[in-house]
Amino acid sequence: MTYSIVARDPGTGELAVAVQSHFFGVGRLCPFVRAGVGAVATQASVDPGYGPLGLGLLEAGKDPAQALAALVAGDPSSFSRQVAMVDATGKVAAHTGDKCIAEAAHITGDGWSVQANMMTTTGVPEAMAEAFQGSSGTLVERILAALDAAEEAGGDIRGRQSAALLVAPGERGGVVGADRTWDLRVDDHPEPLAELRRLVKIKRAYDVGFLAGDPSEESIDLALAEVEEATGGNLEMAFWAALTLAGTGRLEHARRLLDRCQKADERWMELLRRLPASGHVDPKTAEQLLG
């Protein structure tokens, strides 16, 4: 009861999976990704076990066709499953059981697979494939284009409810489950794809604003503006951006942001007073900001 996409970016090696469904919290059941290993989407009469088991087989050296064939062969209900996998080399495999509820189908390509079941009409996978291949930009942008195309082509016959997007690096490393560069979930929303795009905008603003090393004043201003638009005002973003600016000696600009936080809620300044003891802010910098 879902449409989804798994894909690998040939330029960056990133691995991704995204999904939308009329189902509460689809992000906890359908999408799985592991850095340097692959991505899996499991849906229809969903068996979440296909996710970790499939990734485990890929990590052990099986290609997607071998991994998926092994899982399907051991599943007495495989006729009702829909599953797709992509590995770190861009190989893909997909399965749509012959008892999946119509309209159900999948299309695979070079480094990607799109799949859908219980769709209003035929043509949803075709629309997704065309949008993904025909769009430009980052992997995330191309995936969002594919999801939007699925909805425009008819989408789930029951409507919309939840969506999710997971992305991991193409190289192995990090703790499994904490190796994702993107992990966005919309559990229940009348327009989940619009909400997912809003979360994407906030995530990008955070990355540019104060997680990207030594950002410029202009990049922080841009990030804050993007968060303002997406959230209607995010004081935490402004607070940490201020500390980033202060850490690079731009105290005047840092105080401007902190003044904004203080006017809204004095507790932000109390938080600043507590940070030196935990080593998060240099005591001298905190003193200068509080003075």
C-alpha atoms as a PDB file:
ATOM      1  CA  MET A   1       0.000   0.000   0.000  1.00  0.00           C
ATOM      2  CA  THR A   2       2.915   2.190  -0.831  1.00  0.00           C
ATOM      3  CA  TYR A   3       5.170   3.721  -3.441  1.00  0.00           C
ATOM      4  CA  SER A   4       8.910   3.941  -2.886  1.00  0.00           C
ATOM      5  CA  ILE A   5      12.324   4.336  -4.482  1.00  0.00           C
ATOM      6  CA  VAL A   6      15.766   2.946  -3.697  1.00  0.00           C
ATOM      7  CA  ALA A   7      18.729   4.561  -5.415  1.00  0.00           C
ATOM      8  CA  ARG A   8      22.482   5.067  -5.485  1.00  0.00           C
ATOM      9  CA  ASP A   9      24.096   8.302  -6.619  1.00  0.00           C
ATOM     10  CA  PRO A  10      26.850   7.397  -9.114  1.00  0.00           C
ATOM     11  CA  GLY A  11      28.750  10.598  -8.327  1.00  0.00           C
ATOM     12  CA  THR A  12      28.804  10.560  -4.530  1.00  0.00           C
ATOM     13  CA  GLY A  13      28.063   6.883  -3.910  1.00  0.00           C
ATOM     14  CA  GLU A  14      25.250   7.857  -1.526  1.00  0.00           C
ATOM     15  CA  LEU A  15      22.568   5.244  -0.921  1.00  0.00           C
ATOM     16  CA  ALA A  16      18.958   6.247  -0.348  1.00  0.00           C
ATOM     17  CA  VAL A  17      15.432   4.991   0.092  1.00  0.00           C
ATOM     18  CA  ALA A  18      12.232   7.035   0.271  1.00  0.00           C
ATOM     19  CA  VAL A  19       8.585   6.113   0.621  1.00  0.00           C
ATOM     20  CA  GLN A  20       5.030   7.458   0.919  1.00  0.00           C
ATOM     21  CA  SER A  21       1.957   5.535   2.057  1.00  0.00           C
ATOM     22  CA  HIS A  22      -1.519   5.842   3.507  1.00  0.00           C
ATOM     23  CA  PHE A  23      -0.333   4.116   6.653  1.00  0.00           C
ATOM     24  CA  PHE A  24       0.695   5.452  10.042  1.00  0.00           C
ATOM     25  CA  GLY A  25       4.465   5.706  10.444  1.00  0.00           C
ATOM     26  CA  VAL A  26       5.620   4.018   7.247  1.00  0.00           C
ATOM     27  CA  GLY A  27       9.174   5.080   8.096  1.00  0.00           C
ATOM     28  CA  ARG A  28       9.462   2.427  10.803  1.00  0.00           C
ATOM     29  CA  LEU A  29       8.512  -0.471   8.523  1.00  0.00           C
ATOM     30  CA  CYS A  30       9.526   0.101   4.907  1.00  0.00           C
ATOM     31  CA  PRO A  31      12.875   1.925   4.434  1.00  0.00           C
ATOM     32  CA  PHE A  32      16.271   0.569   5.462  1.00  0.00           C
ATOM     33  CA  VAL A  33      19.772   1.785   4.583  1.00  0.00           C
ATOM     34  CA  ARG A  34      23.321   1.032   5.677  1.00  0.00           C
ATOM     35  CA  ALA A  35      26.405   3.061   4.772  1.00  0.00           C
ATOM     36  CA  GLY A  36      28.560   1.407   2.142  1.00  0.00           C
ATOM     37  CA  VAL A  37      26.187  -1.565   1.925  1.00  0.00           C
ATOM     38  CA  GLY A  38      22.852  -0.739   0.361  1.00  0.00           C
ATOM     39  CA  ALA A  39      19.232   0.322   0.698  1.00  0.00           C
ATOM     40  CA  VAL A  40      16.048  -1.739   0.923  1.00  0.00           C
ATOM     41  CA  ALA A  41      12.356  -0.928   0.572  1.00  0.00           C
ATOM     42  CA  THR A  42       9.914  -3.576   1.817  1.00  0.00           C
ATOM     43  CA  GLN A  43       6.169  -3.031   1.389  1.00  0.00           C
ATOM     44  CA  ALA A  44       2.745  -4.402   0.277  1.00  0.00           C
ATOM     45  CA  SER A  45       1.984  -7.095   2.862  1.00  0.00           C
ATOM     46  CA  VAL A  46       5.049  -5.746   4.571  1.00  0.00           C
ATOM     47  CA  ASP A  47       7.635  -7.897   6.304  1.00  0.00           C
ATOM     48  CA  PRO A  48      10.126  -5.508   7.943  1.00  0.00           C
ATOM     49  CA  GLY A  49      12.540  -8.403   8.309  1.00  0.00           C
ATOM     50  CA  TYR A  50      13.468  -8.045   4.660  1.00  0.00           C
ATOM     51  CA  GLY A  51      15.288  -4.835   5.585  1.00  0.00           C
ATOM     52  CA  PRO A  52      17.924  -5.985   8.091  1.00  0.00           C
ATOM     53  CA  LEU A  53      18.138  -9.471   6.582  1.00  0.00           C
ATOM     54  CA  GLY A  54      18.627  -8.075   3.093  1.00  0.00           C
ATOM     55  CA  LEU A  55      21.286  -5.610   4.242  1.00  0.00           C
ATOM     56  CA  GLY A  56      23.005  -8.407   6.130  1.00  0.00           C
ATOM     57  CA  LEU A  57      23.207 -10.523   2.985  1.00  0.00           C
ATOM     58  CA  LEU A  58      24.524  -7.585   0.964  1.00  0.00           C
ATOM     59  CA  GLU A  59      27.144  -6.892   3.606  1.00  0.00           C
ATOM     60  CA  ALA A  60      28.157 -10.566   3.502  1.00  0.00           C
ATOM     61  CA  GLY A  61      28.923 -10.251  -0.207  1.00  0.00           C
ATOM     62  CA  LYS A  62      25.704 -11.260  -1.942  1.00  0.00           C
ATOM     63  CA  ASP A  63      24.523  -9.064  -4.782  1.00  0.00           C
ATOM     64  CA  PRO A  64      20.932  -7.767  -4.653  1.00  0.00           C
ATOM     65  CA  ALA A  65      19.578 -10.472  -6.973  1.00  0.00           C
ATOM     66  CA  GLN A  66      21.101 -13.216  -4.837  1.00  0.00           C
ATOM     67  CA  ALA A  67      20.018 -11.633  -1.566  1.00  0.00           C
ATOM     68  CA  LEU A  68      16.455 -11.043  -2.691  1.00  0.00           C
ATOM     69  CA  ALA A  69      16.137 -14.500  -4.223  1.00  0.00           C
ATOM     70  CA  ALA A  70      17.249 -16.088  -0.938  1.00  0.00           C
ATOM     71  CA  LEU A  71      14.743 -14.086   1.096  1.00  0.00           C
ATOM     72  CA  VAL A  72      11.860 -14.746  -1.299  1.00  0.00           C
ATOM     73  CA  ALA A  73      12.650 -18.466  -1.411  1.00  0.00           C
ATOM     74  CA  GLY A  74      12.396 -18.680   2.361  1.00  0.00           C
ATOM     75  CA  ASP A  75       9.164 -16.693   2.638  1.00  0.00           C
ATOM     76  CA  PRO A  76       5.884 -18.621   2.295  1.00  0.00           C
ATOM     77  CA  SER A  77       4.057 -15.315   1.798  1.00  0.00           C
ATOM     78  CA  SER A  78       6.377 -13.918  -0.868  1.00  0.00           C
ATOM     79  CA  PHE A  79       3.409 -13.752  -3.272  1.00  0.00           C
ATOM     80  CA  SER A  80       2.122 -10.764  -1.265  1.00  0.00           C
ATOM     81  CA  ARG A  81       5.436  -8.939  -0.805  1.00  0.00           C
ATOM     82  CA  GLN A  82       6.998  -6.104  -2.751  1.00  0.00           C
ATOM     83  CA  VAL A  83      10.695  -5.524  -2.140  1.00  0.00           C
ATOM     84  CA  ALA A  84      13.536  -3.639  -3.826  1.00  0.00           C
ATOM     85  CA  MET A  85      17.268  -3.451  -3.087  1.00  0.00           C
ATOM     86  CA  VAL A  86      20.264  -1.488  -4.335  1.00  0.00           C
ATOM     87  CA  ASP A  87      23.835  -2.147  -3.248  1.00  0.00           C
ATOM     88  CA  ALA A  88      26.926   0.030  -2.956  1.00  0.00           C
ATOM     89  CA  THR A  89      27.958  -0.752  -6.545  1.00  0.00           C
ATOM     90  CA  GLY A  90      24.587   0.273  -7.989  1.00  0.00           C
ATOM     91  CA  LYS A  91      23.280  -3.218  -8.662  1.00  0.00           C
ATOM     92  CA  VAL A  92      19.527  -3.538  -8.093  1.00  0.00           C
ATOM     93  CA  ALA A  93      16.860  -6.201  -7.715  1.00  0.00           C
ATOM     94  CA  ALA A  94      13.112  -6.014  -7.139  1.00  0.00           C
ATOM     95  CA  HIS A  95      10.222  -8.382  -6.499  1.00  0.00           C
ATOM     96  CA  THR A  96       6.479  -7.804  -6.821  1.00  0.00           C
ATOM     97  CA  GLY A  97       4.438 -10.803  -5.737  1.00  0.00           C
ATOM     98  CA  ASP A  98       1.592 -11.838  -8.022  1.00  0.00           C
ATOM     99  CA  LYS A  99      -0.924 -11.363  -5.181  1.00  0.00           C
ATOM    100  CA  CYS A 100       0.042  -7.772  -4.393  1.00  0.00           C
ATOM    101  CA  ILE A 101      -3.049  -5.557  -4.596  1.00  0.00           C
ATOM    102  CA  ALA A 102      -3.449  -3.811  -7.940  1.00  0.00           C
ATOM    103  CA  GLU A 103      -2.224  -1.654  -9.304  1.00  0.00           C
ATOM    104  CA  ALA A 104       1.194  -3.051  -8.435  1.00  0.00           C
ATOM    105  CA  ALA A 105       4.468  -3.046 -10.372  1.00  0.00           C
ATOM    106  CA  HIS A 106       8.135  -2.112 -10.260  1.00  0.00           C
ATOM    107  CA  ILE A 107      10.721  -0.757 -12.684  1.00  0.00           C
ATOM    108  CA  THR A 108      14.486  -1.050 -12.249  1.00  0.00           C
ATOM    109  CA  GLY A 109      17.242   0.960 -13.867  1.00  0.00           C
ATOM    110  CA  ASP A 110      20.933   1.708 -13.510  1.00  0.00           C
ATOM    111  CA  GLY A 111      21.375   2.159  -9.771  1.00  0.00           C
ATOM    112  CA  TRP A 112      17.692   2.578  -8.910  1.00  0.00           C
ATOM    113  CA  SER A 113      14.353   0.842  -8.531  1.00  0.00           C
ATOM    114  CA  VAL A 114      10.845   2.297  -8.179  1.00  0.00           C
ATOM    115  CA  GLN A 115       7.887   0.250  -6.971  1.00  0.00           C
ATOM    116  CA  ALA A 116       4.259   0.764  -6.066  1.00  0.00           C
ATOM    117  CA  ASN A 117       1.226  -1.239  -5.015  1.00  0.00           C
ATOM    118  CA  MET A 118      -2.446  -0.465  -4.345  1.00  0.00           C
ATOM    119  CA  MET A 119      -2.180   2.510  -6.673  1.00  0.00           C
ATOM    120  CA  THR A 120      -5.213   4.317  -8.066  1.00  0.00           C
ATOM    121  CA  THR A 121      -4.159   3.676 -11.654  1.00  0.00           C
ATOM    122  CA  THR A 122      -1.397   2.063 -13.678  1.00  0.00           C
ATOM    123  CA  GLY A 123       1.615   4.136 -14.595  1.00  0.00           C
ATOM    124  CA  VAL A 124       2.880   5.206 -11.171  1.00  0.00           C
ATOM    125  CA  PRO A 125       6.258   3.409 -11.440  1.00  0.00           C
ATOM    126  CA  GLU A 126       6.673   4.755 -14.969  1.00  0.00           C
ATOM    127  CA  ALA A 127       6.039   8.308 -13.747  1.00  0.00           C
ATOM    128  CA  MET A 128       8.528   7.860 -10.917  1.00  0.00           C
ATOM    129  CA  ALA A 129      11.189   6.463 -13.234  1.00  0.00           C
ATOM    130  CA  GLU A 130      10.761   9.296 -15.709  1.00  0.00           C
ATOM    131  CA  ALA A 131      10.941  11.953 -13.001  1.00  0.00           C
ATOM    132  CA  PHE A 132      13.991  10.440 -11.322  1.00  0.00           C
ATOM    133  CA  GLN A 133      15.924  10.037 -14.558  1.00  0.00           C
ATOM    134  CA  GLY A 134      14.808  13.378 -15.964  1.00  0.00           C
ATOM    135  CA  SER A 135      15.531  15.546 -12.932  1.00  0.00           C
ATOM    136  CA  SER A 136      18.814  17.132 -11.911  1.00  0.00           C
ATOM    137  CA  GLY A 137      20.404  18.152  -8.645  1.00  0.00           C
ATOM    138  CA  THR A 138      21.326  16.097  -5.603  1.00  0.00           C
ATOM    139  CA  LEU A 139      20.145  12.555  -4.978  1.00  0.00           C
ATOM    140  CA  VAL A 140      17.645  13.868  -2.426  1.00  0.00           C
ATOM    141  CA  GLU A 141      16.180  16.338  -4.931  1.00  0.00           C
ATOM    142  CA  ARG A 142      15.811  13.649  -7.597  1.00  0.00           C
ATOM    143  CA  ILE A 143      14.143  11.295  -5.124  1.00  0.00           C
ATOM    144  CA  LEU A 144      11.678  13.974  -4.038  1.00  0.00           C
ATOM    145  CA  ALA A 145      10.854  14.555  -7.717  1.00  0.00           C
ATOM    146  CA  ALA A 146      10.092  10.841  -8.102  1.00  0.00           C
ATOM    147  CA  LEU A 147       7.780  10.853  -5.077  1.00  0.00           C
ATOM    148  CA  ASP A 148       5.930  13.907  -6.329  1.00  0.00           C
ATOM    149  CA  ALA A 149       5.512  12.258  -9.739  1.00  0.00           C
ATOM    150  CA  ALA A 150       3.994   9.185  -8.109  1.00  0.00           C
ATOM    151  CA  GLU A 151       1.400  11.313  -6.375  1.00  0.00           C
ATOM    152  CA  GLU A 152       0.619  13.271  -9.522  1.00  0.00           C
ATOM    153  CA  ALA A 153       0.136   9.996 -11.404  1.00  0.00           C
ATOM    154  CA  GLY A 154      -2.578   8.883  -8.992  1.00  0.00           C
ATOM    155  CA  GLY A 155      -0.775   7.654  -5.915  1.00  0.00           C
ATOM    156  CA  ASP A 156      -2.184   5.338  -3.276  1.00  0.00           C
ATOM    157  CA  ILE A 157      -5.857   4.563  -3.885  1.00  0.00           C
ATOM    158  CA  ARG A 158      -6.547   5.315  -0.189  1.00  0.00           C
ATOM    159  CA  GLY A 159      -4.833   8.703  -0.198  1.00  0.00           C
ATOM    160  CA  ARG A 160      -1.839  10.042   1.752  1.00  0.00           C
ATOM    161  CA  GLN A 161      -0.599   9.811   5.323  1.00  0.00           C
ATOM    162  CA  SER A 162       3.098   9.227   5.987  1.00  0.00           C
ATOM    163  CA  ALA A 163       6.486   9.451   4.297  1.00  0.00           C
ATOM    164  CA  ALA A 164      10.171   8.903   5.021  1.00  0.00           C
ATOM    165  CA  LEU A 165      13.612   9.527   3.551  1.00  0.00           C
ATOM    166  CA  LEU A 166      16.849   7.791   4.539  1.00  0.00           C
ATOM    167  CA  VAL A 167      20.293   8.469   3.044  1.00  0.00           C
ATOM    168  CA  ALA A 168      23.672   6.983   3.978  1.00  0.00           C
ATOM    169  CA  PRO A 169      27.210   7.507   2.654  1.00  0.00           C
ATOM    170  CA  GLY A 170      28.593   5.222  -0.004  1.00  0.00           C
ATOM    171  CA  GLU A 171      31.527   4.230   2.201  1.00  0.00           C
ATOM    172  CA  ARG A 172      31.224   1.935   5.177  1.00  0.00           C
ATOM    173  CA  GLY A 173      31.854   3.341   8.613  1.00  0.00           C
ATOM    174  CA  GLY A 174      30.149   4.408  11.775  1.00  0.00           C
ATOM    175  CA  VAL A 175      27.732   2.565  14.009  1.00  0.00           C
ATOM    176  CA  VAL A 176      24.955   0.721  12.200  1.00  0.00           C
ATOM    177  CA  GLY A 177      21.777   2.750  12.593  1.00  0.00           C
ATOM    178  CA  ALA A 178      23.733   5.934  13.277  1.00  0.00           C
ATOM    179  CA  ASP A 179      25.468   6.040   9.898  1.00  0.00           C
ATOM    180  CA  ARG A 180      22.741   7.996   8.110  1.00  0.00           C
ATOM    181  CA  THR A 181      23.263  11.486   6.808  1.00  0.00           C
ATOM    182  CA  TRP A 182      19.508  11.895   6.313  1.00  0.00           C
ATOM    183  CA  ASP A 183      16.760  10.341   8.454  1.00  0.00           C
ATOM    184  CA  LEU A 184      13.490  12.219   8.014  1.00  0.00           C
ATOM    185  CA  ARG A 185      10.058  10.848   8.873  1.00  0.00           C
ATOM    186  CA  VAL A 186       6.516  12.135   8.603  1.00  0.00           C
ATOM    187  CA  ASP A 187       4.296   9.766  10.562  1.00  0.00           C
ATOM    188  CA  ASP A 188       0.873  11.342  10.085  1.00  0.00           C
ATOM    189  CA  HIS A 189       0.091  14.364   7.928  1.00  0.00           C
ATOM    190  CA  PRO A 190      -2.578  15.313   5.368  1.00  0.00           C
ATOM    191  CA  GLU A 191       0.182  16.281   2.909  1.00  0.00           C
ATOM    192  CA  PRO A 192       3.164  14.112   3.833  1.00  0.00           C
ATOM    193  CA  LEU A 193       5.266  14.923   0.768  1.00  0.00           C
ATOM    194  CA  ALA A 194       4.933  18.661   1.352  1.00  0.00           C
ATOM    195  CA  GLU A 195       5.858  18.106   4.992  1.00  0.00           C
ATOM    196  CA  LEU A 196       8.834  15.959   3.959  1.00  0.00           C
ATOM    197  CA  ARG A 197      10.082  18.787   1.734  1.00  0.00           C
ATOM    198  CA  ARG A 198       9.742  21.202   4.655  1.00  0.00           C
ATOM    199  CA  LEU A 199      11.903  18.916   6.795  1.00  0.00           C
ATOM    200  CA  VAL A 200      14.450  18.661   3.977  1.00  0.00           C
ATOM    201  CA  LYS A 201      14.703  22.456   3.925  1.00  0.00           C
ATOM    202  CA  ILE A 202      15.287  22.595   7.687  1.00  0.00           C
ATOM    203  CA  LYS A 203      17.891  19.816   7.550  1.00  0.00           C
ATOM    204  CA  ARG A 204      19.816  21.641   4.829  1.00  0.00           C
ATOM    205  CA  ALA A 205      19.683  24.885   6.781  1.00  0.00           C
ATOM    206  CA  TYR A 206      21.089  23.201   9.875  1.00  0.00           C
ATOM    207  CA  ASP A 207      23.899  21.627   7.857  1.00  0.00           C
ATOM    208  CA  VAL A 208      24.864  24.945   6.275  1.00  0.00           C
ATOM    209  CA  GLY A 209      24.281  27.024   9.372  1.00  0.00           C
ATOM    210  CA  PHE A 210      26.442  25.590  12.115  1.00  0.00           C
ATOM    211  CA  LEU A 211      27.519  22.049  11.317  1.00  0.00           C
ATOM    212  CA  ALA A 212      29.709  22.865   8.325  1.00  0.00           C
ATOM    213  CA  GLY A 213      33.011  23.713   9.969  1.00  0.00           C
ATOM    214  CA  ASP A 214      33.564  27.474   9.881  1.00  0.00           C
ATOM    215  CA  PRO A 215      30.568  28.826   7.973  1.00  0.00           C
ATOM    216  CA  SER A 216      30.504  32.336   6.626  1.00  0.00           C
ATOM    217  CA  GLU A 217      28.274  35.004   8.059  1.00  0.00           C
ATOM    218  CA  GLU A 218      26.336  34.968   4.786  1.00  0.00           C
ATOM    219  CA  SER A 219      25.762  31.203   4.918  1.00  0.00           C
ATOM    220  CA  ILE A 220      24.446  31.421   8.470  1.00  0.00           C
ATOM    221  CA  ASP A 221      22.110  34.267   7.540  1.00  0.00           C
ATOM    222  CA  LEU A 222      20.842  32.206   4.609  1.00  0.00           C
ATOM    223  CA  ALA A 223      20.359  29.156   6.804  1.00  0.00           C
ATOM    224  CA  LEU A 224      18.450  31.176   9.395  1.00  0.00           C
ATOM    225  CA  ALA A 225      16.229  32.647   6.691  1.00  0.00           C
ATOM    226  CA  GLU A 226      15.451  29.174   5.371  1.00  0.00           C
ATOM    227  CA  VAL A 227      14.559  27.918   8.829  1.00  0.00           C
ATOM    228  CA  GLU A 228      12.424  31.012   9.444  1.00  0.00           C
ATOM    229  CA  GLU A 229      10.458  30.225   6.304  1.00  0.00           C
ATOM    230  CA  ALA A 230      10.116  26.537   7.111  1.00  0.00           C
ATOM    231  CA  THR A 231       9.279  26.803  10.803  1.00  0.00           C
ATOM    232  CA  GLY A 232       7.976  30.290  11.378  1.00  0.00           C
ATOM    233  CA  GLY A 233      10.892  30.944  13.740  1.00  0.00           C
ATOM    234  CA  ASN A 234      13.427  28.526  15.236  1.00  0.00           C
ATOM    235  CA  LEU A 235      15.251  30.020  18.205  1.00  0.00           C
ATOM    236  CA  GLU A 236      17.471  27.005  18.778  1.00  0.00           C
ATOM    237  CA  MET A 237      18.916  27.438  15.294  1.00  0.00           C
ATOM    238  CA  ALA A 238      19.665  31.085  16.078  1.00  0.00           C
ATOM    239  CA  PHE A 239      21.188  30.199  19.461  1.00  0.00           C
ATOM    240  CA  TRP A 240      23.688  27.647  18.166  1.00  0.00           C
ATOM    241  CA  ALA A 241      24.483  29.771  15.135  1.00  0.00           C
ATOM    242  CA  ALA A 242      25.361  32.568  17.558  1.00  0.00           C
ATOM    243  CA  LEU A 243      27.800  30.294  19.386  1.00  0.00           C
ATOM    244  CA  THR A 244      29.351  29.267  16.081  1.00  0.00           C
ATOM    245  CA  LEU A 245      29.868  32.920  15.174  1.00  0.00           C
ATOM    246  CA  ALA A 246      31.276  33.681  18.605  1.00  0.00           C
ATOM    247  CA  GLY A 247      33.716  30.794  18.307  1.00  0.00           C
ATOM    248  CA  THR A 248      35.158  32.384  15.173  1.00  0.00           C
ATOM    249  CA  GLY A 249      35.477  35.804  16.796  1.00  0.00           C
ATOM    250  CA  ARG A 250      32.356  37.411  15.297  1.00  0.00           C
ATOM    251  CA  LEU A 251      30.952  38.524  18.653  1.00  0.00           C
ATOM    252  CA  GLU A 252      28.881  41.427  17.331  1.00  0.00           C
ATOM    253  CA  HIS A 253      26.892  39.151  15.022  1.00  0.00           C
ATOM    254  CA  ALA A 254      26.622  36.505  17.747  1.00  0.00           C
ATOM    255  CA  ARG A 255      25.122  39.027  20.180  1.00  0.00           C
ATOM    256  CA  ARG A 256      22.589  40.079  17.559  1.00  0.00           C
ATOM    257  CA  LEU A 257      21.261  36.544  17.391  1.00  0.00           C
ATOM    258  CA  LEU A 258      21.418  36.032  21.150  1.00  0.00           C
ATOM    259  CA  ASP A 259      19.447  39.245  21.731  1.00  0.00           C
ATOM    260  CA  ARG A 260      16.718  37.782  19.582  1.00  0.00           C
ATOM    261  CA  CYS A 261      16.690  34.585  21.661  1.00  0.00           C
ATOM    262  CA  GLN A 262      16.732  36.502  24.944  1.00  0.00           C
ATOM    263  CA  LYS A 263      13.800  38.707  23.968  1.00  0.00           C
ATOM    264  CA  ALA A 264      11.746  35.607  23.242  1.00  0.00           C
ATOM    265  CA  ASP A 265      12.760  33.617  26.319  1.00  0.00           C
ATOM    266  CA  GLU A 266      15.322  34.477  29.010  1.00  0.00           C
ATOM    267  CA  ARG A 267      16.067  30.778  29.529  1.00  0.00           C
ATOM    268  CA  TRP A 268      18.335  30.782  26.459  1.00  0.00           C
ATOM    269  CA  MET A 269      20.772  32.954  28.407  1.00  0.00           C
ATOM    270  CA  GLU A 270      20.588  30.602  31.374  1.00  0.00           C
ATOM    271  CA  LEU A 271      21.487  27.781  28.992  1.00  0.00           C
ATOM    272  CA  LEU A 272      24.495  29.804  27.831  1.00  0.00           C
ATOM    273  CA  ARG A 273      25.621  30.207  31.454  1.00  0.00           C
ATOM    274  CA  ARG A 274      25.570  26.420  31.900  1.00  0.00           C
ATOM    275  CA  LEU A 275      27.504  25.477  28.771  1.00  0.00           C
ATOM    276  CA  PRO A 276      31.097  26.292  29.877  1.00  0.00           C
ATOM    277  CA  ALA A 277      30.923  23.723  32.692  1.00  0.00           C
ATOM    278  CA  SER A 278      30.204  20.975  30.172  1.00  0.00           C
ATOM    279  CA  GLY A 279      32.954  22.102  27.826  1.00  0.00           C
ATOM    280  CA  HIS A 280      30.615  23.178  25.042  1.00  0.00           C
ATOM    281  CA  VAL A 281      31.620  26.858  25.140  1.00  0.00           C
ATOM    282  CA  ASP A 282      34.865  28.541  26.088  1.00  0.00           C
ATOM    283  CA  PRO A 283      34.321  30.329  29.447  1.00  0.00           C
ATOM    284  CA  LYS A 284      35.834  33.560  28.161  1.00  0.00           C
ATOM    285  CA  THR A 285      33.571  33.536  25.120  1.00  0.00           C
ATOM    286  CA  ALA A 286      30.510  32.915  27.282  1.00  0.00           C
ATOM    287  CA  GLU A 287      31.526  35.772  29.572  1.00  0.00           C
ATOM    288  CA  GLN A 288      31.878  38.119  26.620  1.00  0.00           C
ATOM    289  CA  LEU A 289      28.465  37.155  25.304  1.00  0.00           C
ATOM    290  CA  LEU A 290      26.766  37.443  28.675  1.00  0.00           C
ATOM    291  CA  GLY A 291      28.477  40.709  29.548  1.00  0.00           C
END
